Amino acid sequence: MAIPTGAFLNAIGILLGAIIGLAQRKPFSLRSQLVFRNVIGAFTIFFGLRLIYISLEGPFLSCLKQLCVAVLAVWSGFWIGKLFHFQKMSNYLGRLAARTIAAAQHNPSSNPGDAFNACAILFCAAPLGIIGAVSDGLSDYYQLLGVKAVMDALAMTGFMKVFRWPAALSALPVLFFFSAVSLAVQLYVKPVLAPPSLDSVNAAGGLVACMVTVVIFEVRKVELANYLPALVIAPLLTKLLA
């Protein structure tokens, strides 16, 4: 069985970032970082909106109903995620990785396995990665993971200055994890979803992906992980309101 395109791109992005980080003598300037951020944010919102667009089918009223279902799924999914502390779990993983990175900065000769673990946690726990893997499994829409590949590549250029080569090995768990998510969705979820339900999952995922840009542009803090249950709520609401 072929490796999903999105997971492959994400892993390649990490490896390319590692190569650039090793070859680079100086970090990117603040101006370059700002340009990269703006470009990544623009592509994220573009591909998020495009995923919503291709998920809406039929006449205007039908599309409006599908969009309302997606919005309701995102709203209710957020409160379910909040109830089960999805964001708190995500924050815990982020703090765990941050402590490892801080320790490595103070002690560069620390355990190389810490570099691998920190980067793997950061790259695998990203909500955009989950959304991208699901949309890739449902509709071969790998573009969101392609955007994440660029984000991770830029992050990896900085990690290589601290961790050196062990950080690059985090491409392997990223490849395996997102491939597993995409293949599981493709094999076990997609066959049981009728087109309206499948489209509602993609539309909800597109909405959450657009929220990622709020974080990228540092407009405000958004509890992105709490929105992930929307991917499960969307098909249930579609059947309930059909």
C-alpha atoms as a PDB file:
ATOM      1  CA  MET A   1       0.000   0.000   0.000  1.00  0.00           C
ATOM      2  CA  ALA A   2       1.382   3.399  -1.034  1.00  0.00           C
ATOM      3  CA  ILE A   3       2.459   5.975   1.526  1.00  0.00           C
ATOM      4  CA  PRO A   4      -0.065   8.851   1.670  1.00  0.00           C
ATOM      5  CA  THR A   5       1.194  11.900  -0.183  1.00  0.00           C
ATOM      6  CA  GLY A   6       0.670  14.330   2.696  1.00  0.00           C
ATOM      7  CA  ALA A   7       2.628  12.289   5.233  1.00  0.00           C
ATOM      8  CA  PHE A   8       5.444  11.812   2.714  1.00  0.00           C
ATOM      9  CA  LEU A   9       5.626  15.551   2.009  1.00  0.00           C
ATOM     10  CA  ASN A  10       5.695  16.354   5.719  1.00  0.00           C
ATOM     11  CA  ALA A  11       8.596  13.970   6.325  1.00  0.00           C
ATOM     12  CA  ILE A  12      10.504  15.300   3.292  1.00  0.00           C
ATOM     13  CA  GLY A  13       9.960  18.851   4.534  1.00  0.00           C
ATOM     14  CA  ILE A  14      11.533  17.993   7.880  1.00  0.00           C
ATOM     15  CA  LEU A  15      14.549  16.384   6.196  1.00  0.00           C
ATOM     16  CA  LEU A  16      15.032  19.341   3.857  1.00  0.00           C
ATOM     17  CA  GLY A  17      14.811  21.702   6.811  1.00  0.00           C
ATOM     18  CA  ALA A  18      17.470  19.644   8.574  1.00  0.00           C
ATOM     19  CA  ILE A  19      19.786  19.849   5.557  1.00  0.00           C
ATOM     20  CA  ILE A  20      19.294  23.607   5.283  1.00  0.00           C
ATOM     21  CA  GLY A  21      19.845  23.999   9.022  1.00  0.00           C
ATOM     22  CA  LEU A  22      23.141  22.110   8.874  1.00  0.00           C
ATOM     23  CA  ALA A  23      24.366  24.043   5.848  1.00  0.00           C
ATOM     24  CA  GLN A  24      23.209  27.428   7.081  1.00  0.00           C
ATOM     25  CA  ARG A  25      25.790  29.537   8.901  1.00  0.00           C
ATOM     26  CA  LYS A  26      23.416  32.214  10.136  1.00  0.00           C
ATOM     27  CA  PRO A  27      19.709  31.920  11.058  1.00  0.00           C
ATOM     28  CA  PHE A  28      17.106  33.579   8.874  1.00  0.00           C
ATOM     29  CA  SER A  29      16.766  37.307   9.453  1.00  0.00           C
ATOM     30  CA  LEU A  30      13.664  38.677  11.169  1.00  0.00           C
ATOM     31  CA  ARG A  31      12.516  40.107   7.850  1.00  0.00           C
ATOM     32  CA  SER A  32      12.829  36.706   6.172  1.00  0.00           C
ATOM     33  CA  GLN A  33      10.979  35.038   9.038  1.00  0.00           C
ATOM     34  CA  LEU A  34       8.154  37.565   8.671  1.00  0.00           C
ATOM     35  CA  VAL A  35       7.928  36.893   4.940  1.00  0.00           C
ATOM     36  CA  PHE A  36       7.838  33.134   5.530  1.00  0.00           C
ATOM     37  CA  ARG A  37       5.136  33.561   8.176  1.00  0.00           C
ATOM     38  CA  ASN A  38       2.954  35.660   5.889  1.00  0.00           C
ATOM     39  CA  VAL A  39       3.348  33.251   2.990  1.00  0.00           C
ATOM     40  CA  ILE A  40       2.561  30.215   5.146  1.00  0.00           C
ATOM     41  CA  GLY A  41      -0.455  31.976   6.645  1.00  0.00           C
ATOM     42  CA  ALA A  42      -1.742  32.919   3.189  1.00  0.00           C
ATOM     43  CA  PHE A  43      -1.390  29.367   1.878  1.00  0.00           C
ATOM     44  CA  THR A  44      -3.009  27.921   4.999  1.00  0.00           C
ATOM     45  CA  ILE A  45      -6.125  30.055   4.688  1.00  0.00           C
ATOM     46  CA  PHE A  46      -6.219  29.505   0.897  1.00  0.00           C
ATOM     47  CA  PHE A  47      -6.124  25.716   1.163  1.00  0.00           C
ATOM     48  CA  GLY A  48      -8.524  25.780   4.125  1.00  0.00           C
ATOM     49  CA  LEU A  49     -11.051  27.822   2.138  1.00  0.00           C
ATOM     50  CA  ARG A  50     -10.486  25.656  -0.929  1.00  0.00           C
ATOM     51  CA  LEU A  51     -11.249  22.535   1.115  1.00  0.00           C
ATOM     52  CA  ILE A  52     -14.503  24.136   2.249  1.00  0.00           C
ATOM     53  CA  TYR A  53     -15.344  25.169  -1.328  1.00  0.00           C
ATOM     54  CA  ILE A  54     -14.855  21.732  -2.866  1.00  0.00           C
ATOM     55  CA  SER A  55     -16.903  20.190  -0.049  1.00  0.00           C
ATOM     56  CA  LEU A  56     -20.036  22.220  -0.833  1.00  0.00           C
ATOM     57  CA  GLU A  57     -22.212  20.704  -3.537  1.00  0.00           C
ATOM     58  CA  GLY A  58     -25.643  21.333  -5.003  1.00  0.00           C
ATOM     59  CA  PRO A  59     -27.789  24.473  -5.210  1.00  0.00           C
ATOM     60  CA  PHE A  60     -27.210  27.556  -3.076  1.00  0.00           C
ATOM     61  CA  LEU A  61     -29.570  26.579  -0.243  1.00  0.00           C
ATOM     62  CA  SER A  62     -28.048  23.115  -0.051  1.00  0.00           C
ATOM     63  CA  CYS A  63     -24.537  24.590   0.144  1.00  0.00           C
ATOM     64  CA  LEU A  64     -25.696  27.035   2.811  1.00  0.00           C
ATOM     65  CA  LYS A  65     -27.133  24.176   4.850  1.00  0.00           C
ATOM     66  CA  GLN A  66     -23.891  22.189   4.542  1.00  0.00           C
ATOM     67  CA  LEU A  67     -21.879  25.218   5.642  1.00  0.00           C
ATOM     68  CA  CYS A  68     -24.166  25.787   8.638  1.00  0.00           C
ATOM     69  CA  VAL A  69     -23.751  22.140   9.641  1.00  0.00           C
ATOM     70  CA  ALA A  70     -19.956  22.519   9.443  1.00  0.00           C
ATOM     71  CA  VAL A  71     -20.042  25.690  11.563  1.00  0.00           C
ATOM     72  CA  LEU A  72     -22.288  23.984  14.123  1.00  0.00           C
ATOM     73  CA  ALA A  73     -19.947  20.978  14.175  1.00  0.00           C
ATOM     74  CA  VAL A  74     -16.945  23.219  14.821  1.00  0.00           C
ATOM     75  CA  TRP A  75     -18.784  25.083  17.590  1.00  0.00           C
ATOM     76  CA  SER A  76     -20.054  21.930  19.329  1.00  0.00           C
ATOM     77  CA  GLY A  77     -16.742  20.163  18.727  1.00  0.00           C
ATOM     78  CA  PHE A  78     -14.952  22.948  20.551  1.00  0.00           C
ATOM     79  CA  TRP A  79     -17.050  22.482  23.688  1.00  0.00           C
ATOM     80  CA  ILE A  80     -16.612  18.722  23.575  1.00  0.00           C
ATOM     81  CA  GLY A  81     -12.863  19.207  23.225  1.00  0.00           C
ATOM     82  CA  LYS A  82     -12.942  21.631  26.126  1.00  0.00           C
ATOM     83  CA  LEU A  83     -14.892  19.133  28.212  1.00  0.00           C
ATOM     84  CA  PHE A  84     -12.303  16.418  27.588  1.00  0.00           C
ATOM     85  CA  HIS A  85      -9.351  18.830  27.943  1.00  0.00           C
ATOM     86  CA  PHE A  86      -7.902  18.319  24.465  1.00  0.00           C
ATOM     87  CA  GLN A  87      -6.065  21.639  24.586  1.00  0.00           C
ATOM     88  CA  LYS A  88      -4.680  20.929  28.050  1.00  0.00           C
ATOM     89  CA  MET A  89      -3.229  17.673  26.753  1.00  0.00           C
ATOM     90  CA  SER A  90      -1.768  19.512  23.765  1.00  0.00           C
ATOM     91  CA  ASN A  91      -0.312  22.179  26.049  1.00  0.00           C
ATOM     92  CA  TYR A  92       1.239  19.501  28.244  1.00  0.00           C
ATOM     93  CA  LEU A  93       2.993  17.945  25.256  1.00  0.00           C
ATOM     94  CA  GLY A  94       4.138  21.388  24.129  1.00  0.00           C
ATOM     95  CA  ARG A  95       5.583  22.220  27.552  1.00  0.00           C
ATOM     96  CA  LEU A  96       7.313  18.840  27.668  1.00  0.00           C
ATOM     97  CA  ALA A  97       8.990  19.505  24.341  1.00  0.00           C
ATOM     98  CA  ALA A  98       9.827  23.096  25.314  1.00  0.00           C
ATOM     99  CA  ARG A  99      11.582  21.955  28.502  1.00  0.00           C
ATOM    100  CA  THR A 100      13.636  19.495  26.483  1.00  0.00           C
ATOM    101  CA  ILE A 101      14.633  22.196  24.010  1.00  0.00           C
ATOM    102  CA  ALA A 102      15.557  24.606  26.811  1.00  0.00           C
ATOM    103  CA  ALA A 103      17.665  21.933  28.516  1.00  0.00           C
ATOM    104  CA  ALA A 104      19.480  21.196  25.265  1.00  0.00           C
ATOM    105  CA  GLN A 105      20.270  24.882  24.778  1.00  0.00           C
ATOM    106  CA  HIS A 106      21.951  24.989  28.191  1.00  0.00           C
ATOM    107  CA  ASN A 107      23.614  21.604  27.781  1.00  0.00           C
ATOM    108  CA  PRO A 108      24.286  20.784  24.103  1.00  0.00           C
ATOM    109  CA  SER A 109      25.901  17.456  25.034  1.00  0.00           C
ATOM    110  CA  SER A 110      22.683  16.100  26.580  1.00  0.00           C
ATOM    111  CA  ASN A 111      21.025  12.838  25.508  1.00  0.00           C
ATOM    112  CA  PRO A 112      20.508  12.822  21.685  1.00  0.00           C
ATOM    113  CA  GLY A 113      17.278  10.917  22.254  1.00  0.00           C
ATOM    114  CA  ASP A 114      15.810  14.030  23.850  1.00  0.00           C
ATOM    115  CA  ALA A 115      16.136  15.883  20.545  1.00  0.00           C
ATOM    116  CA  PHE A 116      14.309  13.131  18.719  1.00  0.00           C
ATOM    117  CA  ASN A 117      11.503  13.016  21.295  1.00  0.00           C
ATOM    118  CA  ALA A 118      11.016  16.794  21.474  1.00  0.00           C
ATOM    119  CA  CYS A 119      10.777  17.262  17.710  1.00  0.00           C
ATOM    120  CA  ALA A 120       8.588  14.194  17.213  1.00  0.00           C
ATOM    121  CA  ILE A 121       6.137  15.444  19.849  1.00  0.00           C
ATOM    122  CA  LEU A 122       5.943  18.932  18.365  1.00  0.00           C
ATOM    123  CA  PHE A 123       5.502  17.762  14.789  1.00  0.00           C
ATOM    124  CA  CYS A 124       3.042  14.923  15.475  1.00  0.00           C
ATOM    125  CA  ALA A 125       0.820  16.782  17.957  1.00  0.00           C
ATOM    126  CA  ALA A 126       0.069  19.739  15.649  1.00  0.00           C
ATOM    127  CA  PRO A 127      -3.706  20.056  15.018  1.00  0.00           C
ATOM    128  CA  LEU A 128      -3.080  21.077  11.394  1.00  0.00           C
ATOM    129  CA  GLY A 129      -1.330  17.739  10.909  1.00  0.00           C
ATOM    130  CA  ILE A 130      -4.336  15.789  12.195  1.00  0.00           C
ATOM    131  CA  ILE A 131      -6.713  17.742   9.963  1.00  0.00           C
ATOM    132  CA  GLY A 132      -4.404  17.333   6.987  1.00  0.00           C
ATOM    133  CA  ALA A 133      -4.026  13.583   7.521  1.00  0.00           C
ATOM    134  CA  VAL A 134      -7.802  13.124   7.775  1.00  0.00           C
ATOM    135  CA  SER A 135      -8.524  15.163   4.636  1.00  0.00           C
ATOM    136  CA  ASP A 136      -5.769  13.269   2.802  1.00  0.00           C
ATOM    137  CA  GLY A 137      -7.342   9.950   3.791  1.00  0.00           C
ATOM    138  CA  LEU A 138     -10.873  11.042   2.896  1.00  0.00           C
ATOM    139  CA  SER A 139     -10.302  12.980  -0.316  1.00  0.00           C
ATOM    140  CA  ASP A 140      -6.588  12.790  -1.211  1.00  0.00           C
ATOM    141  CA  TYR A 141      -6.402  16.461  -0.190  1.00  0.00           C
ATOM    142  CA  TYR A 142      -2.774  16.546   0.890  1.00  0.00           C
ATOM    143  CA  GLN A 143      -2.210  20.294   0.549  1.00  0.00           C
ATOM    144  CA  LEU A 144      -2.680  21.059   4.248  1.00  0.00           C
ATOM    145  CA  LEU A 145       0.085  18.625   5.160  1.00  0.00           C
ATOM    146  CA  GLY A 146       2.135  20.223   2.402  1.00  0.00           C
ATOM    147  CA  VAL A 147       1.797  23.583   4.152  1.00  0.00           C
ATOM    148  CA  LYS A 148       2.696  21.929   7.460  1.00  0.00           C
ATOM    149  CA  ALA A 149       5.787  20.472   5.758  1.00  0.00           C
ATOM    150  CA  VAL A 150       7.014  24.009   5.058  1.00  0.00           C
ATOM    151  CA  MET A 151       6.259  25.086   8.639  1.00  0.00           C
ATOM    152  CA  ASP A 152       8.149  22.107  10.055  1.00  0.00           C
ATOM    153  CA  ALA A 153      11.054  22.651   7.652  1.00  0.00           C
ATOM    154  CA  LEU A 154      11.501  26.207   8.907  1.00  0.00           C
ATOM    155  CA  ALA A 155      11.292  25.057  12.521  1.00  0.00           C
ATOM    156  CA  MET A 156      13.825  22.315  11.827  1.00  0.00           C
ATOM    157  CA  THR A 157      16.403  24.806  10.533  1.00  0.00           C
ATOM    158  CA  GLY A 158      16.435  26.295  14.024  1.00  0.00           C
ATOM    159  CA  PHE A 159      16.366  22.971  15.855  1.00  0.00           C
ATOM    160  CA  MET A 160      19.427  21.785  13.960  1.00  0.00           C
ATOM    161  CA  LYS A 161      21.481  24.574  15.552  1.00  0.00           C
ATOM    162  CA  VAL A 162      20.606  23.156  18.975  1.00  0.00           C
ATOM    163  CA  PHE A 163      20.151  19.412  18.470  1.00  0.00           C
ATOM    164  CA  ARG A 164      22.194  18.649  15.324  1.00  0.00           C
ATOM    165  CA  TRP A 165      21.456  15.455  13.371  1.00  0.00           C
ATOM    166  CA  PRO A 166      19.278  13.536  15.917  1.00  0.00           C
ATOM    167  CA  ALA A 167      16.484  16.052  15.362  1.00  0.00           C
ATOM    168  CA  ALA A 168      16.209  15.013  11.702  1.00  0.00           C
ATOM    169  CA  LEU A 169      15.195  11.490  12.743  1.00  0.00           C
ATOM    170  CA  SER A 170      11.842  12.916  13.877  1.00  0.00           C
ATOM    171  CA  ALA A 171      10.818  12.680  10.200  1.00  0.00           C
ATOM    172  CA  LEU A 172      10.290   8.937  10.759  1.00  0.00           C
ATOM    173  CA  PRO A 173       7.583   9.090  13.466  1.00  0.00           C
ATOM    174  CA  VAL A 174       5.931  11.926  11.525  1.00  0.00           C
ATOM    175  CA  LEU A 175       5.841   9.732   8.419  1.00  0.00           C
ATOM    176  CA  PHE A 176       4.508   6.702  10.315  1.00  0.00           C
ATOM    177  CA  PHE A 177       1.982   8.597  12.437  1.00  0.00           C
ATOM    178  CA  PHE A 178       0.321  10.656   9.718  1.00  0.00           C
ATOM    179  CA  SER A 179       0.454   7.722   7.286  1.00  0.00           C
ATOM    180  CA  ALA A 180      -1.348   5.600   9.888  1.00  0.00           C
ATOM    181  CA  VAL A 181      -4.008   8.277  10.401  1.00  0.00           C
ATOM    182  CA  SER A 182      -4.591   8.758   6.663  1.00  0.00           C
ATOM    183  CA  LEU A 183      -4.683   5.033   5.894  1.00  0.00           C
ATOM    184  CA  ALA A 184      -6.996   4.294   8.832  1.00  0.00           C
ATOM    185  CA  VAL A 185      -9.392   6.994   7.652  1.00  0.00           C
ATOM    186  CA  GLN A 186      -9.195   5.759   4.063  1.00  0.00           C
ATOM    187  CA  LEU A 187      -9.744   2.091   4.904  1.00  0.00           C
ATOM    188  CA  TYR A 188     -12.173   2.209   7.820  1.00  0.00           C
ATOM    189  CA  VAL A 189     -13.923   5.598   7.840  1.00  0.00           C
ATOM    190  CA  LYS A 190     -14.329   6.638   4.217  1.00  0.00           C
ATOM    191  CA  PRO A 191     -16.245   3.470   3.146  1.00  0.00           C
ATOM    192  CA  VAL A 192     -18.987   4.067   5.761  1.00  0.00           C
ATOM    193  CA  LEU A 193     -19.479   7.771   5.022  1.00  0.00           C
ATOM    194  CA  ALA A 194     -21.985   8.788   2.373  1.00  0.00           C
ATOM    195  CA  PRO A 195     -20.962  11.843   0.304  1.00  0.00           C
ATOM    196  CA  PRO A 196     -22.896  14.400   2.419  1.00  0.00           C
ATOM    197  CA  SER A 197     -21.256  13.163   5.618  1.00  0.00           C
ATOM    198  CA  LEU A 198     -17.825  12.945   4.025  1.00  0.00           C
ATOM    199  CA  ASP A 199     -18.142  16.472   2.684  1.00  0.00           C
ATOM    200  CA  SER A 200     -19.179  17.780   6.098  1.00  0.00           C
ATOM    201  CA  VAL A 201     -15.983  16.395   7.647  1.00  0.00           C
ATOM    202  CA  ASN A 202     -13.898  18.159   5.009  1.00  0.00           C
ATOM    203  CA  ALA A 203     -15.823  21.413   5.441  1.00  0.00           C
ATOM    204  CA  ALA A 204     -15.346  21.326   9.215  1.00  0.00           C
ATOM    205  CA  GLY A 205     -11.665  20.543   8.723  1.00  0.00           C
ATOM    206  CA  GLY A 206     -11.336  23.479   6.348  1.00  0.00           C
ATOM    207  CA  LEU A 207     -12.873  25.821   8.907  1.00  0.00           C
ATOM    208  CA  VAL A 208     -10.494  24.655  11.622  1.00  0.00           C
ATOM    209  CA  ALA A 209      -7.562  24.990   9.214  1.00  0.00           C
ATOM    210  CA  CYS A 210      -8.557  28.613   8.616  1.00  0.00           C
ATOM    211  CA  MET A 211      -8.413  29.173  12.384  1.00  0.00           C
ATOM    212  CA  VAL A 212      -4.778  28.092  12.316  1.00  0.00           C
ATOM    213  CA  THR A 213      -3.986  31.312  10.468  1.00  0.00           C
ATOM    214  CA  VAL A 214      -5.169  33.288  13.495  1.00  0.00           C
ATOM    215  CA  VAL A 215      -2.338  31.632  15.432  1.00  0.00           C
ATOM    216  CA  ILE A 216       0.176  32.000  12.594  1.00  0.00           C
ATOM    217  CA  PHE A 217      -0.461  35.741  12.321  1.00  0.00           C
ATOM    218  CA  GLU A 218      -0.472  36.022  16.129  1.00  0.00           C
ATOM    219  CA  VAL A 219      -3.877  37.745  16.134  1.00  0.00           C
ATOM    220  CA  ARG A 220      -4.932  35.922  19.301  1.00  0.00           C
ATOM    221  CA  LYS A 221      -4.502  32.614  21.069  1.00  0.00           C
ATOM    222  CA  VAL A 222      -6.849  29.898  19.823  1.00  0.00           C
ATOM    223  CA  GLU A 223      -7.387  26.536  21.501  1.00  0.00           C
ATOM    224  CA  LEU A 224      -6.969  24.646  18.236  1.00  0.00           C
ATOM    225  CA  ALA A 225      -6.829  21.164  19.752  1.00  0.00           C
ATOM    226  CA  ASN A 226     -10.290  21.637  21.269  1.00  0.00           C
ATOM    227  CA  TYR A 227     -11.755  21.931  17.763  1.00  0.00           C
ATOM    228  CA  LEU A 228     -10.579  18.490  16.606  1.00  0.00           C
ATOM    229  CA  PRO A 229     -13.768  16.668  17.774  1.00  0.00           C
ATOM    230  CA  ALA A 230     -15.576  18.645  15.054  1.00  0.00           C
ATOM    231  CA  LEU A 231     -14.264  16.074  12.572  1.00  0.00           C
ATOM    232  CA  VAL A 232     -16.326  13.417  14.357  1.00  0.00           C
ATOM    233  CA  ILE A 233     -19.329  15.611  15.133  1.00  0.00           C
ATOM    234  CA  ALA A 234     -19.745  16.816  11.527  1.00  0.00           C
ATOM    235  CA  PRO A 235     -20.984  13.514   9.981  1.00  0.00           C
ATOM    236  CA  LEU A 236     -23.223  12.843  12.990  1.00  0.00           C
ATOM    237  CA  LEU A 237     -24.893  16.240  12.612  1.00  0.00           C
ATOM    238  CA  THR A 238     -25.240  15.686   8.858  1.00  0.00           C
ATOM    239  CA  LYS A 239     -27.192  12.480   9.421  1.00  0.00           C
ATOM    240  CA  LEU A 240     -29.212  14.010  12.250  1.00  0.00           C
ATOM    241  CA  LEU A 241     -30.225  17.082  10.234  1.00  0.00           C
ATOM    242  CA  ALA A 242     -30.687  15.310   6.887  1.00  0.00           C
END
